[in-house]
């Protein structure tokens, strides 16, 4: 079977993996090198077993001594590689890397898995990608032992620079439409008082549930409402202040 070769005479390593064909010795191969936002660009290598220095240099990241390179393995876990380490692209089935202009790495836990990272912060969007979850229906939270876990929005950044190992978890994200505004919520149920708190008013003012047919119902104090996942539920049912 012939390999897939680009117009520049460079074989795409991902295509070679897919067709189970090892590129010929001396063939130039293309890999992907990304940044902290997971924006990737194509980098051309002349060797299937390059050093980290060669990859960073080919990506134009100089001086290489001030940069870090992380490899994605088949499970998506990030692993830091030393500058003089040889990366066996074909044997390890690696064609994606993350590069950082940093001399220090950071560690965190995500859904019980340990990750390494090249800068002192990470966004909620990137955490969702690393966890391989649906960003529209799931959220990511920073675990906090002495207070409620903190929801990390897609554009929010979590600090990794503290000495402690930060731990994140993912889960289904529910949305409530309260007086025309969508509010994320991490649980399948919510009380009347919690709805009022999200809406920004005192629970003594009461909460009215409005269903899809615009039927209104006053919620009782302490009443527990069961939610459904996804924004569509928030668009069908909403709450407003009581009379």
C-alpha atoms as a PDB file:
ATOM      1  CA  UNK A   1       0.000   0.000   0.000  1.00  0.00           C
ATOM      2  CA  UNK A   2       1.392   3.374  -0.934  1.00  0.00           C
ATOM      3  CA  UNK A   3       1.834   5.989   1.776  1.00  0.00           C
ATOM      4  CA  UNK A   4       0.004   9.289   1.627  1.00  0.00           C
ATOM      5  CA  UNK A   5       2.494  11.994   0.720  1.00  0.00           C
ATOM      6  CA  UNK A   6       1.765  15.695   0.703  1.00  0.00           C
ATOM      7  CA  UNK A   7       2.619  18.005  -2.172  1.00  0.00           C
ATOM      8  CA  UNK A   8       5.761  19.051  -0.304  1.00  0.00           C
ATOM      9  CA  UNK A   9       6.971  15.455  -0.299  1.00  0.00           C
ATOM     10  CA  UNK A  10       6.182  15.084   3.418  1.00  0.00           C
ATOM     11  CA  UNK A  11       4.178  12.187   4.783  1.00  0.00           C
ATOM     12  CA  UNK A  12       1.541  12.963   7.374  1.00  0.00           C
ATOM     13  CA  UNK A  13       2.318  10.759  10.345  1.00  0.00           C
ATOM     14  CA  UNK A  14      -1.326  10.486  11.424  1.00  0.00           C
ATOM     15  CA  UNK A  15      -2.220   9.129   7.983  1.00  0.00           C
ATOM     16  CA  UNK A  16       0.627   6.624   8.242  1.00  0.00           C
ATOM     17  CA  UNK A  17      -0.703   5.430  11.603  1.00  0.00           C
ATOM     18  CA  UNK A  18      -4.194   5.044  10.129  1.00  0.00           C
ATOM     19  CA  UNK A  19      -2.916   2.952   7.212  1.00  0.00           C
ATOM     20  CA  UNK A  20      -0.431   0.990   9.383  1.00  0.00           C
ATOM     21  CA  UNK A  21       2.397   1.853   7.035  1.00  0.00           C
ATOM     22  CA  UNK A  22       5.733   2.912   8.409  1.00  0.00           C
ATOM     23  CA  UNK A  23       7.320   5.730   6.374  1.00  0.00           C
ATOM     24  CA  UNK A  24      10.480   4.819   4.506  1.00  0.00           C
ATOM     25  CA  UNK A  25      13.771   5.588   6.174  1.00  0.00           C
ATOM     26  CA  UNK A  26      14.786   9.179   5.493  1.00  0.00           C
ATOM     27  CA  UNK A  27      11.252  10.302   4.609  1.00  0.00           C
ATOM     28  CA  UNK A  28      10.223  13.649   6.026  1.00  0.00           C
ATOM     29  CA  UNK A  29       7.156  13.469   8.252  1.00  0.00           C
ATOM     30  CA  UNK A  30       4.660  16.006   9.532  1.00  0.00           C
ATOM     31  CA  UNK A  31       3.606  16.217  13.174  1.00  0.00           C
ATOM     32  CA  UNK A  32       1.441  18.687  15.091  1.00  0.00           C
ATOM     33  CA  UNK A  33       2.801  21.029  17.739  1.00  0.00           C
ATOM     34  CA  UNK A  34       0.301  22.992  19.821  1.00  0.00           C
ATOM     35  CA  UNK A  35       0.286  25.630  22.543  1.00  0.00           C
ATOM     36  CA  UNK A  36      -1.493  26.181  25.862  1.00  0.00           C
ATOM     37  CA  UNK A  37      -4.766  26.885  24.017  1.00  0.00           C
ATOM     38  CA  UNK A  38      -4.469  23.602  22.090  1.00  0.00           C
ATOM     39  CA  UNK A  39      -3.984  25.467  18.825  1.00  0.00           C
ATOM     40  CA  UNK A  40      -1.886  23.153  16.656  1.00  0.00           C
ATOM     41  CA  UNK A  41       0.300  23.775  13.632  1.00  0.00           C
ATOM     42  CA  UNK A  42       2.141  21.408  11.339  1.00  0.00           C
ATOM     43  CA  UNK A  43       5.875  20.905  11.854  1.00  0.00           C
ATOM     44  CA  UNK A  44       8.145  18.995   9.469  1.00  0.00           C
ATOM     45  CA  UNK A  45      10.739  16.550  10.831  1.00  0.00           C
ATOM     46  CA  UNK A  46      13.499  14.700   8.996  1.00  0.00           C
ATOM     47  CA  UNK A  47      13.665  11.783  11.399  1.00  0.00           C
ATOM     48  CA  UNK A  48      11.204   9.286  12.896  1.00  0.00           C
ATOM     49  CA  UNK A  49      13.276   9.312  16.089  1.00  0.00           C
ATOM     50  CA  UNK A  50      14.062  12.987  16.685  1.00  0.00           C
ATOM     51  CA  UNK A  51      15.256  14.470  19.933  1.00  0.00           C
ATOM     52  CA  UNK A  52      13.144  16.977  21.790  1.00  0.00           C
ATOM     53  CA  UNK A  53      15.672  19.622  20.787  1.00  0.00           C
ATOM     54  CA  UNK A  54      15.071  18.831  17.125  1.00  0.00           C
ATOM     55  CA  UNK A  55      11.286  19.065  17.495  1.00  0.00           C
ATOM     56  CA  UNK A  56      11.445  22.396  19.326  1.00  0.00           C
ATOM     57  CA  UNK A  57      13.949  23.774  16.819  1.00  0.00           C
ATOM     58  CA  UNK A  58      11.810  22.653  13.865  1.00  0.00           C
ATOM     59  CA  UNK A  59       8.850  24.411  15.496  1.00  0.00           C
ATOM     60  CA  UNK A  60      10.903  27.623  15.706  1.00  0.00           C
ATOM     61  CA  UNK A  61      10.909  27.663  19.504  1.00  0.00           C
ATOM     62  CA  UNK A  62      14.277  29.054  20.501  1.00  0.00           C
ATOM     63  CA  UNK A  63      16.229  28.978  22.673  1.00  0.00           C
ATOM     64  CA  UNK A  64      15.105  25.414  23.180  1.00  0.00           C
ATOM     65  CA  UNK A  65      16.605  25.423  26.682  1.00  0.00           C
ATOM     66  CA  UNK A  66      13.834  27.810  27.730  1.00  0.00           C
ATOM     67  CA  UNK A  67      11.036  25.618  26.382  1.00  0.00           C
ATOM     68  CA  UNK A  68       9.190  22.492  27.451  1.00  0.00           C
ATOM     69  CA  UNK A  69       7.725  19.818  25.204  1.00  0.00           C
ATOM     70  CA  UNK A  70       4.924  17.457  26.152  1.00  0.00           C
ATOM     71  CA  UNK A  71       3.794  14.455  24.145  1.00  0.00           C
ATOM     72  CA  UNK A  72       0.253  13.149  23.834  1.00  0.00           C
ATOM     73  CA  UNK A  73       0.238   9.375  24.149  1.00  0.00           C
ATOM     74  CA  UNK A  74      -2.550   7.150  22.868  1.00  0.00           C
ATOM     75  CA  UNK A  75      -4.594   7.743  26.022  1.00  0.00           C
ATOM     76  CA  UNK A  76      -4.327  11.490  25.709  1.00  0.00           C
ATOM     77  CA  UNK A  77      -2.196  11.819  28.850  1.00  0.00           C
ATOM     78  CA  UNK A  78       0.501  14.469  28.708  1.00  0.00           C
ATOM     79  CA  UNK A  79       4.048  13.431  29.465  1.00  0.00           C
ATOM     80  CA  UNK A  80       7.010  15.808  29.651  1.00  0.00           C
ATOM     81  CA  UNK A  81      10.096  14.857  27.651  1.00  0.00           C
ATOM     82  CA  UNK A  82      13.678  15.925  28.350  1.00  0.00           C
ATOM     83  CA  UNK A  83      15.594  18.015  25.833  1.00  0.00           C
ATOM     84  CA  UNK A  84      18.025  15.247  24.919  1.00  0.00           C
ATOM     85  CA  UNK A  85      15.442  12.492  24.991  1.00  0.00           C
ATOM     86  CA  UNK A  86      14.767  10.650  21.749  1.00  0.00           C
ATOM     87  CA  UNK A  87      11.094  10.442  20.807  1.00  0.00           C
ATOM     88  CA  UNK A  88      10.230   7.245  18.950  1.00  0.00           C
ATOM     89  CA  UNK A  89       7.370   8.640  16.923  1.00  0.00           C
ATOM     90  CA  UNK A  90       6.420   5.441  15.142  1.00  0.00           C
ATOM     91  CA  UNK A  91       6.834   2.940  17.982  1.00  0.00           C
ATOM     92  CA  UNK A  92       4.954   5.122  20.462  1.00  0.00           C
ATOM     93  CA  UNK A  93       2.363   6.261  17.873  1.00  0.00           C
ATOM     94  CA  UNK A  94       2.949   9.923  18.708  1.00  0.00           C
ATOM     95  CA  UNK A  95       2.203  12.705  16.257  1.00  0.00           C
ATOM     96  CA  UNK A  96       1.009  15.491  18.578  1.00  0.00           C
ATOM     97  CA  UNK A  97       2.936  17.636  21.044  1.00  0.00           C
ATOM     98  CA  UNK A  98       2.426  20.682  23.201  1.00  0.00           C
ATOM     99  CA  UNK A  99       5.220  23.228  23.520  1.00  0.00           C
ATOM    100  CA  UNK A 100       5.560  25.935  26.161  1.00  0.00           C
ATOM    101  CA  UNK A 101       7.989  28.808  26.583  1.00  0.00           C
ATOM    102  CA  UNK A 102       8.681  27.856  30.172  1.00  0.00           C
ATOM    103  CA  UNK A 103      11.399  26.264  32.278  1.00  0.00           C
ATOM    104  CA  UNK A 104       9.043  24.803  34.874  1.00  0.00           C
ATOM    105  CA  UNK A 105       6.283  22.247  34.639  1.00  0.00           C
ATOM    106  CA  UNK A 106       3.141  21.928  36.755  1.00  0.00           C
ATOM    107  CA  UNK A 107       0.995  18.964  37.721  1.00  0.00           C
ATOM    108  CA  UNK A 108      -2.699  18.494  38.389  1.00  0.00           C
ATOM    109  CA  UNK A 109      -5.273  15.737  38.733  1.00  0.00           C
ATOM    110  CA  UNK A 110      -8.278  15.506  36.414  1.00  0.00           C
ATOM    111  CA  UNK A 111     -10.912  12.840  37.078  1.00  0.00           C
ATOM    112  CA  UNK A 112      -8.329  10.850  38.996  1.00  0.00           C
ATOM    113  CA  UNK A 113      -5.666  11.023  36.270  1.00  0.00           C
ATOM    114  CA  UNK A 114      -2.399  12.900  36.691  1.00  0.00           C
ATOM    115  CA  UNK A 115      -1.446  15.437  34.026  1.00  0.00           C
ATOM    116  CA  UNK A 116       1.623  17.582  33.454  1.00  0.00           C
ATOM    117  CA  UNK A 117       1.380  21.116  32.101  1.00  0.00           C
ATOM    118  CA  UNK A 118       3.810  23.776  30.916  1.00  0.00           C
ATOM    119  CA  UNK A 119       2.366  26.943  32.443  1.00  0.00           C
ATOM    120  CA  UNK A 120       0.951  28.046  35.781  1.00  0.00           C
ATOM    121  CA  UNK A 121      -2.688  28.220  34.657  1.00  0.00           C
ATOM    122  CA  UNK A 122      -5.125  26.272  32.521  1.00  0.00           C
ATOM    123  CA  UNK A 123      -8.548  27.177  31.137  1.00  0.00           C
ATOM    124  CA  UNK A 124     -11.799  25.339  31.623  1.00  0.00           C
ATOM    125  CA  UNK A 125     -12.067  24.732  27.889  1.00  0.00           C
ATOM    126  CA  UNK A 126      -8.677  23.002  27.780  1.00  0.00           C
ATOM    127  CA  UNK A 127      -9.530  20.894  30.828  1.00  0.00           C
ATOM    128  CA  UNK A 128     -12.675  19.703  29.041  1.00  0.00           C
ATOM    129  CA  UNK A 129     -10.656  18.739  25.967  1.00  0.00           C
ATOM    130  CA  UNK A 130      -8.140  16.821  28.077  1.00  0.00           C
ATOM    131  CA  UNK A 131     -10.982  15.035  29.880  1.00  0.00           C
ATOM    132  CA  UNK A 132     -12.600  14.181  26.521  1.00  0.00           C
ATOM    133  CA  UNK A 133     -16.083  15.334  27.555  1.00  0.00           C
ATOM    134  CA  UNK A 134     -18.872  17.111  25.713  1.00  0.00           C
ATOM    135  CA  UNK A 135     -18.273  20.799  26.497  1.00  0.00           C
ATOM    136  CA  UNK A 136     -21.947  21.682  26.004  1.00  0.00           C
ATOM    137  CA  UNK A 137     -23.405  19.171  28.451  1.00  0.00           C
ATOM    138  CA  UNK A 138     -20.578  18.767  30.976  1.00  0.00           C
ATOM    139  CA  UNK A 139     -18.643  21.052  33.273  1.00  0.00           C
ATOM    140  CA  UNK A 140     -15.345  20.971  35.128  1.00  0.00           C
ATOM    141  CA  UNK A 141     -14.899  21.888  38.785  1.00  0.00           C
ATOM    142  CA  UNK A 142     -11.911  22.659  41.005  1.00  0.00           C
ATOM    143  CA  UNK A 143     -12.242  20.456  44.071  1.00  0.00           C
ATOM    144  CA  UNK A 144     -12.129  22.390  47.348  1.00  0.00           C
ATOM    145  CA  UNK A 145     -12.214  20.356  50.589  1.00  0.00           C
ATOM    146  CA  UNK A 146     -13.510  23.097  52.912  1.00  0.00           C
ATOM    147  CA  UNK A 147     -16.005  24.810  50.592  1.00  0.00           C
ATOM    148  CA  UNK A 148     -18.159  23.994  47.549  1.00  0.00           C
ATOM    149  CA  UNK A 149     -16.264  22.947  44.427  1.00  0.00           C
ATOM    150  CA  UNK A 150     -15.639  25.833  42.039  1.00  0.00           C
ATOM    151  CA  UNK A 151     -17.089  25.640  38.525  1.00  0.00           C
ATOM    152  CA  UNK A 152     -14.431  26.625  35.973  1.00  0.00           C
ATOM    153  CA  UNK A 153     -16.089  28.264  32.969  1.00  0.00           C
ATOM    154  CA  UNK A 154     -14.597  27.708  29.527  1.00  0.00           C
ATOM    155  CA  UNK A 155     -12.844  31.085  29.499  1.00  0.00           C
ATOM    156  CA  UNK A 156     -11.859  31.004  33.174  1.00  0.00           C
ATOM    157  CA  UNK A 157      -8.310  30.089  34.196  1.00  0.00           C
ATOM    158  CA  UNK A 158      -7.420  27.887  37.144  1.00  0.00           C
ATOM    159  CA  UNK A 159      -4.171  28.611  38.976  1.00  0.00           C
ATOM    160  CA  UNK A 160      -1.690  25.720  39.109  1.00  0.00           C
ATOM    161  CA  UNK A 161       1.175  27.596  40.767  1.00  0.00           C
ATOM    162  CA  UNK A 162       0.304  26.745  44.363  1.00  0.00           C
ATOM    163  CA  UNK A 163       2.403  24.103  46.062  1.00  0.00           C
ATOM    164  CA  UNK A 164      -0.565  21.810  46.524  1.00  0.00           C
ATOM    165  CA  UNK A 165      -1.649  19.476  43.743  1.00  0.00           C
ATOM    166  CA  UNK A 166      -4.868  20.903  42.306  1.00  0.00           C
ATOM    167  CA  UNK A 167      -7.610  18.403  41.630  1.00  0.00           C
ATOM    168  CA  UNK A 168     -10.385  18.806  39.057  1.00  0.00           C
ATOM    169  CA  UNK A 169     -13.468  16.735  38.358  1.00  0.00           C
ATOM    170  CA  UNK A 170     -15.962  16.708  35.532  1.00  0.00           C
ATOM    171  CA  UNK A 171     -19.661  15.936  35.468  1.00  0.00           C
ATOM    172  CA  UNK A 172     -22.984  16.702  33.861  1.00  0.00           C
ATOM    173  CA  UNK A 173     -23.831  20.375  33.787  1.00  0.00           C
ATOM    174  CA  UNK A 174     -27.435  21.506  34.212  1.00  0.00           C
ATOM    175  CA  UNK A 175     -28.801  24.898  33.207  1.00  0.00           C
ATOM    176  CA  UNK A 176     -31.640  26.871  34.725  1.00  0.00           C
ATOM    177  CA  UNK A 177     -33.305  29.766  32.946  1.00  0.00           C
ATOM    178  CA  UNK A 178     -34.065  32.269  35.700  1.00  0.00           C
ATOM    179  CA  UNK A 179     -35.781  35.443  34.530  1.00  0.00           C
ATOM    180  CA  UNK A 180     -34.281  35.112  31.077  1.00  0.00           C
ATOM    181  CA  UNK A 181     -30.715  34.291  32.175  1.00  0.00           C
ATOM    182  CA  UNK A 182     -29.132  30.826  31.987  1.00  0.00           C
ATOM    183  CA  UNK A 183     -27.375  29.722  35.174  1.00  0.00           C
ATOM    184  CA  UNK A 184     -25.157  26.602  35.290  1.00  0.00           C
ATOM    185  CA  UNK A 185     -25.810  24.159  38.130  1.00  0.00           C
ATOM    186  CA  UNK A 186     -23.786  21.046  39.050  1.00  0.00           C
ATOM    187  CA  UNK A 187     -26.590  18.835  40.423  1.00  0.00           C
ATOM    188  CA  UNK A 188     -29.696  17.132  39.086  1.00  0.00           C
ATOM    189  CA  UNK A 189     -31.858  18.683  41.800  1.00  0.00           C
ATOM    190  CA  UNK A 190     -32.181  22.171  43.249  1.00  0.00           C
ATOM    191  CA  UNK A 191     -34.240  23.669  46.064  1.00  0.00           C
ATOM    192  CA  UNK A 192     -36.527  26.664  45.896  1.00  0.00           C
ATOM    193  CA  UNK A 193     -34.088  28.634  48.058  1.00  0.00           C
ATOM    194  CA  UNK A 194     -31.154  27.801  45.778  1.00  0.00           C
ATOM    195  CA  UNK A 195     -33.101  28.972  42.720  1.00  0.00           C
ATOM    196  CA  UNK A 196     -33.779  32.294  44.451  1.00  0.00           C
ATOM    197  CA  UNK A 197     -30.111  32.626  45.403  1.00  0.00           C
ATOM    198  CA  UNK A 198     -29.032  32.041  41.796  1.00  0.00           C
ATOM    199  CA  UNK A 199     -31.568  34.605  40.641  1.00  0.00           C
ATOM    200  CA  UNK A 200     -30.245  37.121  43.128  1.00  0.00           C
ATOM    201  CA  UNK A 201     -33.243  37.670  45.419  1.00  0.00           C
ATOM    202  CA  UNK A 202     -34.287  36.684  48.939  1.00  0.00           C
ATOM    203  CA  UNK A 203     -36.160  33.342  49.079  1.00  0.00           C
ATOM    204  CA  UNK A 204     -38.904  35.047  51.103  1.00  0.00           C
ATOM    205  CA  UNK A 205     -39.993  36.696  47.849  1.00  0.00           C
ATOM    206  CA  UNK A 206     -40.921  33.235  46.596  1.00  0.00           C
ATOM    207  CA  UNK A 207     -40.252  31.419  43.317  1.00  0.00           C
ATOM    208  CA  UNK A 208     -42.756  30.732  40.518  1.00  0.00           C
ATOM    209  CA  UNK A 209     -42.200  27.826  38.148  1.00  0.00           C
ATOM    210  CA  UNK A 210     -43.357  28.438  34.561  1.00  0.00           C
ATOM    211  CA  UNK A 211     -43.693  25.369  32.348  1.00  0.00           C
ATOM    212  CA  UNK A 212     -43.546  25.071  28.562  1.00  0.00           C
ATOM    213  CA  UNK A 213     -47.251  25.956  28.285  1.00  0.00           C
ATOM    214  CA  UNK A 214     -46.744  29.079  30.424  1.00  0.00           C
ATOM    215  CA  UNK A 215     -48.576  27.527  33.370  1.00  0.00           C
ATOM    216  CA  UNK A 216     -47.342  29.058  36.616  1.00  0.00           C
ATOM    217  CA  UNK A 217     -46.913  27.329  39.964  1.00  0.00           C
ATOM    218  CA  UNK A 218     -45.628  28.717  43.236  1.00  0.00           C
ATOM    219  CA  UNK A 219     -42.853  26.579  44.716  1.00  0.00           C
ATOM    220  CA  UNK A 220     -43.136  25.712  48.391  1.00  0.00           C
ATOM    221  CA  UNK A 221     -40.335  26.576  50.830  1.00  0.00           C
ATOM    222  CA  UNK A 222     -37.771  23.781  50.818  1.00  0.00           C
ATOM    223  CA  UNK A 223     -39.290  22.183  47.698  1.00  0.00           C
ATOM    224  CA  UNK A 224     -36.812  20.184  45.612  1.00  0.00           C
ATOM    225  CA  UNK A 225     -37.002  20.455  41.817  1.00  0.00           C
ATOM    226  CA  UNK A 226     -35.532  17.727  39.581  1.00  0.00           C
ATOM    227  CA  UNK A 227     -33.699  19.074  36.541  1.00  0.00           C
ATOM    228  CA  UNK A 228     -32.789  17.635  33.160  1.00  0.00           C
ATOM    229  CA  UNK A 229     -29.330  18.011  31.569  1.00  0.00           C
ATOM    230  CA  UNK A 230     -28.625  20.439  28.744  1.00  0.00           C
ATOM    231  CA  UNK A 231     -29.668  23.956  27.817  1.00  0.00           C
ATOM    232  CA  UNK A 232     -32.865  22.845  26.112  1.00  0.00           C
ATOM    233  CA  UNK A 233     -34.461  22.138  29.472  1.00  0.00           C
ATOM    234  CA  UNK A 234     -33.534  25.609  30.682  1.00  0.00           C
ATOM    235  CA  UNK A 235     -35.247  27.087  27.655  1.00  0.00           C
ATOM    236  CA  UNK A 236     -38.480  25.176  28.254  1.00  0.00           C
ATOM    237  CA  UNK A 237     -38.806  25.777  31.964  1.00  0.00           C
ATOM    238  CA  UNK A 238     -37.891  28.967  33.768  1.00  0.00           C
ATOM    239  CA  UNK A 239     -38.434  30.552  37.157  1.00  0.00           C
ATOM    240  CA  UNK A 240     -39.193  34.087  38.194  1.00  0.00           C
ATOM    241  CA  UNK A 241     -39.828  35.965  41.405  1.00  0.00           C
ATOM    242  CA  UNK A 242     -42.983  35.155  43.271  1.00  0.00           C
ATOM    243  CA  UNK A 243     -45.822  37.614  43.735  1.00  0.00           C
END
